[in-house]
Amino acid sequence: MKNRKRLLSIVLTLCMILTMMPMTVNAASTVNHIELNGAPDKYEIGKTVKDAPVDAISVKSGNVDCMAKMWMNTSTAIPSQMSDLGEPLTEDTVFDAFDSSNPKYYFVAVTVKAVGGYELADDMTATVNGVDATVIMVDADGVKVAVVLLPYNPETGKSSASTTPPDTKEKVDHIELIGAPDKYEIGKTVKDAPVDAISVKSGNVDCMAKMWMNTSTAIPSQMSDLGEPLTEDTVFGTFDSSNPKYYFVAVTVMADAGYELADDMTATVNGVDATVIMFYADGVKGAVVLLPYDSETGKLVTNPDLPINPNQPTGSIDPTDPTTPDNTSKPEVDKDADKLPQTGDDSNMMIWFVLMVLAAVTGTVVYKRKRV
């Protein structure tokens, strides 16, 4: 009986030493970045949601599963929290034209959750076809999930997530426009000076809009210098130095697929230098080329000394402007995401192993001596 008690004491001593040994803890690895592929190319005004299926969207990398993919709309150009999002659109919902007085911004929302012992990082980032996307973190019944938003341009219906990665895009450094109304006439309306003749001669860009505008600044240098577009019924007035109005034809352009407008892009109209103002719309860079008109003669200014791109703004136009992206930089990918997290215990395992062996040997010797 005594021998059994001694043996039990030795076993308990070994168990106690084992419980004191540091153990490696495999905490859940975090997902810091995910990549999605595919997106509906565009939606069409007047057509329904079922005409723009989202089945092509899939997870490229990131240890996550796609839980849901759906169309949504909001009154906020860049939503930052779930309360900014409305209800999912049904298949029969019709896409409406953009109305600035009651704006609706369309998004494809992709909900993902971590798999295989992983957990979504609170500051997780995402790209769609290589382009940065907005991520909103959500706690769903105790499980952390993420909603990745693919924004769509309300004017073109196209996704802001280009199918070409940004680092492979060729820069557009210069464009040429041709054609312009010869002059406007005091007392006549905007529709009497059509701008349809203006077109892109070269530069790998698409012309998105052409319109008459007026400003109180002779040479506008930023978007805030420009007023509202003139309607067809607006009458051209005489120049009043006490309340100056300078008339311009503004041509908005965006780069073709696979191209990107350079920050210092220049432009000519009929061979004459023109002012260029850069802007962002739903995360996509565009440019407004201004064709200035002489306030006394009504003719297009052809002075070769006209300044090119004064101040050339390329960042945010107004921090309160919802079409200005919060962050246009490429997300930093955590290269150590797949490594086991450190527990903070760097004890030498060999010391504990030696102690365990010594305890076992000591116990055995004592036991044998007692038997003798």
Protein backbone atom coordinates (compact mmCIF):
# COMPACT_ATOMS: atom_id res chain seq x y z
CA MET A 1 0.00 0.00 0.00
CA LYS A 2 2.87 2.35 0.92
CA ASN A 3 4.60 1.61 -2.39
CA ARG A 4 1.47 2.57 -4.31
CA LYS A 5 1.25 5.84 -2.40
CA ARG A 6 4.87 6.67 -3.19
CA LEU A 7 4.34 5.87 -6.88
CA LEU A 8 1.22 8.04 -6.91
CA SER A 9 3.22 10.88 -5.29
CA ILE A 10 5.85 10.64 -8.04
CA VAL A 11 3.17 10.74 -10.77
CA LEU A 12 1.47 13.75 -9.17
CA THR A 13 4.84 15.55 -8.92
CA LEU A 14 5.46 14.97 -12.63
CA CYS A 15 1.95 16.21 -13.47
CA MET A 16 2.54 19.36 -11.42
CA ILE A 17 5.79 20.07 -13.29
CA LEU A 18 4.03 19.52 -16.64
CA THR A 19 1.31 22.01 -15.71
CA MET A 20 4.01 24.62 -14.92
CA MET A 21 5.67 24.25 -18.34
CA PRO A 22 4.88 27.03 -20.86
CA MET A 23 2.76 25.91 -23.77
CA THR A 24 2.43 27.40 -27.26
CA VAL A 25 -1.00 28.97 -27.77
CA ASN A 26 -2.37 28.95 -31.31
CA ALA A 27 -4.61 32.02 -31.13
CA ALA A 28 -6.91 32.72 -34.07
CA SER A 29 -5.07 34.36 -36.96
CA THR A 30 -6.53 37.62 -38.20
CA VAL A 31 -7.56 38.44 -41.76
CA ASN A 32 -6.14 41.90 -42.51
CA HIS A 33 -6.91 42.11 -46.23
CA ILE A 34 -9.11 40.32 -48.77
CA GLU A 35 -9.38 40.44 -52.54
CA LEU A 36 -12.59 40.07 -54.54
CA ASN A 37 -12.87 39.48 -58.28
CA GLY A 38 -15.63 40.20 -60.77
CA ALA A 39 -18.48 42.71 -60.80
CA PRO A 40 -21.46 43.64 -62.97
CA ASP A 41 -20.03 45.93 -65.64
CA LYS A 42 -22.88 48.42 -65.35
CA TYR A 43 -26.53 48.87 -64.54
CA GLU A 44 -28.92 50.59 -66.93
CA ILE A 45 -31.42 53.29 -66.09
CA GLY A 46 -34.96 51.98 -66.47
CA LYS A 47 -33.97 48.33 -66.15
CA THR A 48 -34.38 46.14 -63.09
CA VAL A 49 -31.96 44.63 -60.60
CA LYS A 50 -32.40 41.15 -62.09
CA ASP A 51 -30.94 42.54 -65.35
CA ALA A 52 -27.65 43.19 -63.48
CA PRO A 53 -26.82 39.86 -61.75
CA VAL A 54 -24.02 39.78 -59.18
CA ASP A 55 -23.15 36.07 -59.44
CA ALA A 56 -19.77 36.83 -61.07
CA ILE A 57 -18.35 38.30 -57.83
CA SER A 58 -16.12 35.86 -55.94
CA VAL A 59 -13.41 35.76 -53.27
CA LYS A 60 -9.89 35.63 -54.73
CA SER A 61 -7.93 35.48 -51.46
CA GLY A 62 -8.30 36.18 -47.75
CA ASN A 63 -9.55 33.08 -45.83
CA VAL A 64 -13.17 34.23 -45.96
CA ASP A 65 -16.47 32.88 -47.27
CA CYS A 66 -18.97 34.96 -49.22
CA MET A 67 -22.28 34.93 -47.33
CA ALA A 68 -24.37 37.25 -49.53
CA LYS A 69 -24.18 39.50 -52.60
CA MET A 70 -26.90 42.09 -53.27
CA TRP A 71 -27.70 45.49 -54.77
CA MET A 72 -28.38 48.35 -52.34
CA ASN A 73 -28.82 52.11 -52.62
CA THR A 74 -28.09 54.95 -50.21
CA SER A 75 -28.27 58.72 -50.05
CA THR A 76 -24.59 58.81 -49.10
CA ALA A 77 -21.88 58.64 -51.77
CA ILE A 78 -19.40 56.92 -49.41
CA PRO A 79 -21.20 55.05 -46.59
CA SER A 80 -19.14 54.50 -43.44
CA GLN A 81 -21.55 52.55 -41.21
CA MET A 82 -24.46 50.15 -41.51
CA SER A 83 -26.98 52.86 -40.67
CA ASP A 84 -25.99 54.57 -43.94
CA LEU A 85 -27.27 51.57 -45.90
CA GLY A 86 -30.89 50.98 -46.74
CA GLU A 87 -32.73 47.74 -47.42
CA PRO A 88 -31.48 45.36 -50.15
CA LEU A 89 -33.09 46.02 -53.54
CA THR A 90 -35.51 43.38 -54.82
CA GLU A 91 -35.18 41.84 -58.28
CA ASP A 92 -38.01 44.01 -59.58
CA THR A 93 -36.49 47.30 -58.36
CA VAL A 94 -35.92 49.69 -61.28
CA PHE A 95 -32.67 51.67 -61.48
CA ASP A 96 -33.51 55.39 -61.48
CA ALA A 97 -31.62 58.26 -63.08
CA PHE A 98 -29.49 60.26 -60.67
CA ASP A 99 -31.35 63.20 -59.11
CA SER A 100 -29.17 65.62 -57.12
CA SER A 101 -32.21 66.84 -55.15
CA ASN A 102 -32.93 63.27 -53.99
CA PRO A 103 -29.68 61.37 -54.59
CA LYS A 104 -29.49 57.58 -54.78
CA TYR A 105 -26.09 55.95 -54.98
CA TYR A 106 -26.14 52.30 -56.04
CA PHE A 107 -23.82 49.72 -54.50
CA VAL A 108 -23.24 46.01 -54.68
CA ALA A 109 -22.76 44.86 -51.07
CA VAL A 110 -20.77 41.64 -50.50
CA THR A 111 -20.95 40.17 -46.98
CA VAL A 112 -18.05 37.92 -45.91
CA LYS A 113 -17.04 36.01 -42.77
CA ALA A 114 -13.74 34.40 -41.73
CA VAL A 115 -13.22 30.63 -42.00
CA GLY A 116 -10.76 27.99 -40.84
CA GLY A 117 -9.89 29.39 -37.42
CA TYR A 118 -9.39 32.94 -38.72
CA GLU A 119 -10.94 36.16 -37.45
CA LEU A 120 -11.59 39.41 -39.35
CA ALA A 121 -9.36 42.28 -38.21
CA ASP A 122 -11.20 45.40 -37.03
CA ASP A 123 -9.30 47.46 -39.63
CA MET A 124 -9.52 44.91 -42.43
CA THR A 125 -9.17 46.34 -45.95
CA ALA A 126 -10.45 45.00 -49.27
CA THR A 127 -9.89 45.41 -52.99
CA VAL A 128 -12.22 44.57 -55.87
CA ASN A 129 -10.38 43.79 -59.11
CA GLY A 130 -7.35 45.53 -57.62
CA VAL A 131 -9.19 48.72 -56.64
CA ASP A 132 -9.72 49.85 -53.03
CA ALA A 133 -13.25 49.24 -51.69
CA THR A 134 -15.15 50.49 -48.65
CA VAL A 135 -15.41 47.97 -45.76
CA ILE A 136 -17.97 48.17 -42.94
CA MET A 137 -17.50 45.80 -39.97
CA VAL A 138 -20.63 44.28 -38.40
CA ASP A 139 -21.35 42.10 -35.37
CA ALA A 140 -24.01 39.59 -36.42
CA ASP A 141 -25.26 37.53 -33.45
CA GLY A 142 -21.80 37.53 -31.88
CA VAL A 143 -20.00 36.71 -35.14
CA LYS A 144 -17.85 39.40 -36.77
CA VAL A 145 -18.59 39.86 -40.49
CA ALA A 146 -17.64 42.50 -43.05
CA VAL A 147 -19.69 44.22 -45.75
CA VAL A 148 -17.57 45.16 -48.78
CA LEU A 149 -19.15 47.90 -50.93
CA LEU A 150 -18.61 48.16 -54.70
CA PRO A 151 -19.64 51.74 -55.62
CA TYR A 152 -21.20 52.57 -58.99
CA ASN A 153 -21.09 55.90 -60.82
CA PRO A 154 -24.64 57.32 -60.85
CA GLU A 155 -24.14 58.90 -64.29
CA THR A 156 -22.51 56.03 -66.18
CA GLY A 157 -23.83 53.07 -64.20
CA LYS A 158 -20.34 51.60 -64.25
CA SER A 159 -18.49 50.18 -61.30
CA SER A 160 -15.72 52.30 -59.82
CA ALA A 161 -13.80 49.04 -59.41
CA SER A 162 -11.89 48.84 -62.66
CA THR A 163 -11.01 45.44 -64.10
CA THR A 164 -7.43 46.63 -64.53
CA PRO A 165 -5.13 46.86 -61.47
CA PRO A 166 -3.97 50.46 -60.86
CA ASP A 167 -0.27 49.66 -61.19
CA THR A 168 -0.75 48.42 -64.76
CA LYS A 169 -2.63 51.48 -66.02
CA GLU A 170 -0.97 53.75 -68.54
CA LYS A 171 -0.98 57.46 -67.70
CA VAL A 172 -2.75 60.00 -69.91
CA ASP A 173 -0.45 63.04 -69.86
CA HIS A 174 -2.10 65.14 -72.58
CA ILE A 175 -5.36 65.24 -74.51
CA GLU A 176 -6.52 67.20 -77.55
CA LEU A 177 -10.03 68.48 -78.12
CA ILE A 178 -11.34 69.93 -81.36
CA GLY A 179 -14.39 71.96 -82.25
CA ALA A 180 -16.18 74.65 -80.23
CA PRO A 181 -19.01 77.18 -80.58
CA ASP A 182 -17.48 80.16 -82.40
CA LYS A 183 -19.12 82.67 -80.05
CA TYR A 184 -22.09 83.32 -77.83
CA GLU A 185 -24.31 86.37 -78.32
CA ILE A 186 -25.54 88.76 -75.64
CA GLY A 187 -29.29 88.44 -75.17
CA LYS A 188 -29.49 84.97 -76.71
CA THR A 189 -29.85 81.71 -74.82
CA VAL A 190 -27.52 78.81 -74.21
CA LYS A 191 -29.43 76.59 -76.64
CA ASP A 192 -28.45 79.06 -79.39
CA ALA A 193 -24.79 78.14 -78.77
CA PRO A 194 -24.74 74.32 -78.90
CA VAL A 195 -21.61 72.49 -77.78
CA ASP A 196 -22.17 69.25 -79.71
CA ALA A 197 -19.29 70.01 -82.11
CA ILE A 198 -16.67 69.53 -79.38
CA SER A 199 -15.00 66.11 -79.52
CA VAL A 200 -11.88 64.28 -78.40
CA LYS A 201 -9.16 64.20 -81.04
CA SER A 202 -6.59 62.17 -79.08
CA GLY A 203 -5.76 61.11 -75.54
CA ASN A 204 -7.44 57.77 -74.64
CA VAL A 205 -10.31 59.44 -72.82
CA ASP A 206 -14.10 59.45 -73.03
CA CYS A 207 -16.10 62.67 -73.10
CA MET A 208 -18.65 62.39 -70.27
CA ALA A 209 -20.32 65.80 -70.49
CA LYS A 210 -20.18 69.17 -72.31
CA MET A 211 -21.94 72.23 -70.90
CA TRP A 212 -21.91 76.00 -70.54
CA MET A 213 -20.99 77.41 -67.11
CA ASN A 214 -20.23 80.82 -65.67
CA THR A 215 -18.07 81.88 -62.76
CA SER A 216 -16.97 85.03 -61.00
CA THR A 217 -13.32 84.03 -61.54
CA ALA A 218 -11.56 84.77 -64.81
CA ILE A 219 -9.30 81.71 -64.56
CA PRO A 220 -10.84 79.06 -62.27
CA SER A 221 -8.31 76.75 -60.63
CA GLN A 222 -10.50 74.38 -58.60
CA MET A 223 -13.95 72.86 -58.68
CA SER A 224 -15.26 75.20 -56.00
CA ASP A 225 -14.65 78.11 -58.45
CA LEU A 226 -17.27 76.70 -60.81
CA GLY A 227 -20.96 77.29 -60.39
CA GLU A 228 -23.93 75.27 -61.60
CA PRO A 229 -24.25 74.35 -65.29
CA LEU A 230 -26.33 76.82 -67.29
CA THR A 231 -29.72 75.62 -68.49
CA GLU A 232 -30.79 75.86 -72.13
CA ASP A 233 -32.98 78.87 -71.33
CA THR A 234 -30.22 80.85 -69.59
CA VAL A 235 -29.65 84.18 -71.36
CA PHE A 236 -26.08 85.39 -71.93
CA GLY A 237 -25.74 88.72 -70.14
CA THR A 238 -23.40 91.65 -70.73
CA PHE A 239 -20.27 91.80 -68.62
CA ASP A 240 -20.70 93.79 -65.39
CA SER A 241 -17.46 94.51 -63.52
CA SER A 242 -19.40 95.03 -60.27
CA ASN A 243 -20.85 91.51 -60.62
CA PRO A 244 -18.62 89.73 -63.10
CA LYS A 245 -19.66 86.59 -64.95
CA TYR A 246 -17.13 84.74 -67.06
CA TYR A 247 -18.57 82.17 -69.47
CA PHE A 248 -16.90 78.82 -70.05
CA VAL A 249 -17.62 75.61 -71.89
CA ALA A 250 -16.68 72.80 -69.48
CA VAL A 251 -15.83 69.41 -70.98
CA THR A 252 -15.64 66.52 -68.50
CA VAL A 253 -13.46 63.55 -69.47
CA MET A 254 -12.49 60.24 -67.88
CA ALA A 255 -9.81 57.78 -68.93
CA ASP A 256 -10.58 54.75 -71.09
CA ALA A 257 -10.25 51.24 -69.63
CA GLY A 258 -6.63 50.47 -68.84
CA TYR A 259 -5.66 54.14 -68.63
CA GLU A 260 -5.51 56.69 -65.80
CA LEU A 261 -5.41 60.49 -65.98
CA ALA A 262 -2.06 61.91 -64.85
CA ASP A 263 -2.25 64.38 -61.96
CA ASP A 264 -0.55 67.03 -64.13
CA MET A 265 -2.42 66.23 -67.34
CA THR A 266 -2.58 69.07 -69.88
CA ALA A 267 -5.06 69.75 -72.66
CA THR A 268 -5.40 71.77 -75.84
CA VAL A 269 -8.55 72.86 -77.66
CA ASN A 270 -8.05 73.41 -81.38
CA GLY A 271 -4.31 73.60 -80.67
CA VAL A 272 -4.65 76.22 -77.89
CA ASP A 273 -3.75 75.53 -74.26
CA ALA A 274 -6.75 75.08 -71.97
CA THR A 275 -7.22 75.04 -68.19
CA VAL A 276 -7.57 71.59 -66.61
CA ILE A 277 -9.09 70.88 -63.19
CA MET A 278 -8.76 67.37 -61.74
CA PHE A 279 -11.49 65.86 -59.55
CA TYR A 280 -12.66 62.56 -58.08
CA ALA A 281 -16.15 61.09 -58.52
CA ASP A 282 -16.91 58.00 -56.42
CA GLY A 283 -13.20 57.20 -56.25
CA VAL A 284 -12.60 57.59 -60.00
CA LYS A 285 -10.33 60.38 -61.26
CA GLY A 286 -11.71 62.71 -63.91
CA ALA A 287 -10.83 66.06 -65.45
CA VAL A 288 -12.74 69.18 -66.43
CA VAL A 289 -11.27 71.00 -69.43
CA LEU A 290 -12.34 74.66 -69.54
CA LEU A 291 -12.76 76.58 -72.77
CA PRO A 292 -12.80 80.24 -71.70
CA TYR A 293 -14.77 82.83 -73.65
CA ASP A 294 -14.02 86.55 -73.84
CA SER A 295 -16.67 88.42 -71.86
CA GLU A 296 -16.73 91.36 -74.33
CA THR A 297 -16.58 89.64 -77.71
CA GLY A 298 -18.20 86.33 -76.77
CA LYS A 299 -15.48 84.52 -78.70
CA LEU A 300 -13.37 81.61 -77.54
CA VAL A 301 -10.11 82.85 -75.98
CA THR A 302 -7.17 81.88 -78.18
CA ASN A 303 -4.41 83.61 -76.23
CA PRO A 304 -1.40 81.26 -76.22
CA ASP A 305 -0.27 82.85 -72.94
CA LEU A 306 -3.31 81.52 -71.07
CA PRO A 307 -1.98 79.80 -67.92
CA ILE A 308 -2.00 76.02 -68.04
CA ASN A 309 -3.35 74.17 -65.00
CA PRO A 310 -2.91 76.95 -62.40
CA ASN A 311 -2.31 75.35 -58.96
CA GLN A 312 -3.47 72.02 -60.46
CA PRO A 313 -5.52 70.62 -57.56
CA THR A 314 -5.50 66.82 -57.50
CA GLY A 315 -6.73 65.90 -54.03
CA SER A 316 -9.99 66.48 -52.27
CA ILE A 317 -12.01 69.43 -53.46
CA ASP A 318 -13.92 69.90 -50.25
CA PRO A 319 -13.63 67.76 -47.13
CA THR A 320 -17.40 67.85 -46.78
CA ASP A 321 -17.95 66.74 -50.39
CA PRO A 322 -19.34 63.16 -50.28
CA THR A 323 -17.87 62.35 -53.72
CA THR A 324 -14.36 62.91 -52.42
CA PRO A 325 -12.76 59.61 -51.37
CA ASP A 326 -11.61 59.27 -47.75
CA ASN A 327 -8.53 57.39 -48.73
CA THR A 328 -7.12 56.80 -52.21
CA SER A 329 -3.92 55.12 -51.10
CA LYS A 330 -3.40 51.40 -51.60
CA PRO A 331 -4.02 49.42 -48.42
CA GLU A 332 -1.00 48.02 -46.62
CA VAL A 333 -1.09 44.22 -46.56
CA ASP A 334 0.18 42.60 -43.38
CA LYS A 335 2.95 40.27 -44.57
CA ASP A 336 2.97 38.50 -41.17
CA ALA A 337 -0.74 37.70 -41.24
CA ASP A 338 -0.11 33.94 -41.63
CA LYS A 339 2.40 33.72 -38.75
CA LEU A 340 1.38 32.42 -35.33
CA PRO A 341 0.80 35.27 -32.86
CA GLN A 342 3.35 35.63 -30.05
CA THR A 343 2.18 34.86 -26.49
CA GLY A 344 4.91 36.91 -24.77
CA ASP A 345 6.45 33.87 -22.98
CA ASP A 346 9.99 33.27 -24.28
CA SER A 347 11.11 30.81 -21.53
CA ASN A 348 13.72 28.19 -22.42
CA MET A 349 11.85 24.90 -22.82
CA MET A 350 15.03 22.84 -22.22
CA ILE A 351 15.29 24.01 -18.59
CA TRP A 352 11.78 22.72 -17.84
CA PHE A 353 12.47 19.45 -19.59
CA VAL A 354 15.65 18.88 -17.52
CA LEU A 355 13.77 19.65 -14.29
CA MET A 356 11.08 17.14 -15.23
CA VAL A 357 13.71 14.41 -15.87
CA LEU A 358 15.54 15.19 -12.60
CA ALA A 359 12.29 14.98 -10.65
CA ALA A 360 11.51 11.61 -12.23
CA VAL A 361 14.99 10.23 -11.50
CA THR A 362 14.96 11.53 -7.91
CA GLY A 363 11.58 10.01 -7.27
CA THR A 364 12.69 6.64 -8.68
CA VAL A 365 15.89 6.57 -6.53
CA VAL A 366 13.96 7.42 -3.35
CA TYR A 367 11.42 4.73 -4.13
CA LYS A 368 14.06 2.03 -4.66
CA ARG A 369 15.95 2.96 -1.50
CA LYS A 370 12.80 2.70 0.55
CA ARG A 371 12.17 -0.76 -0.84
CA VAL A 372 15.68 -1.87 0.10
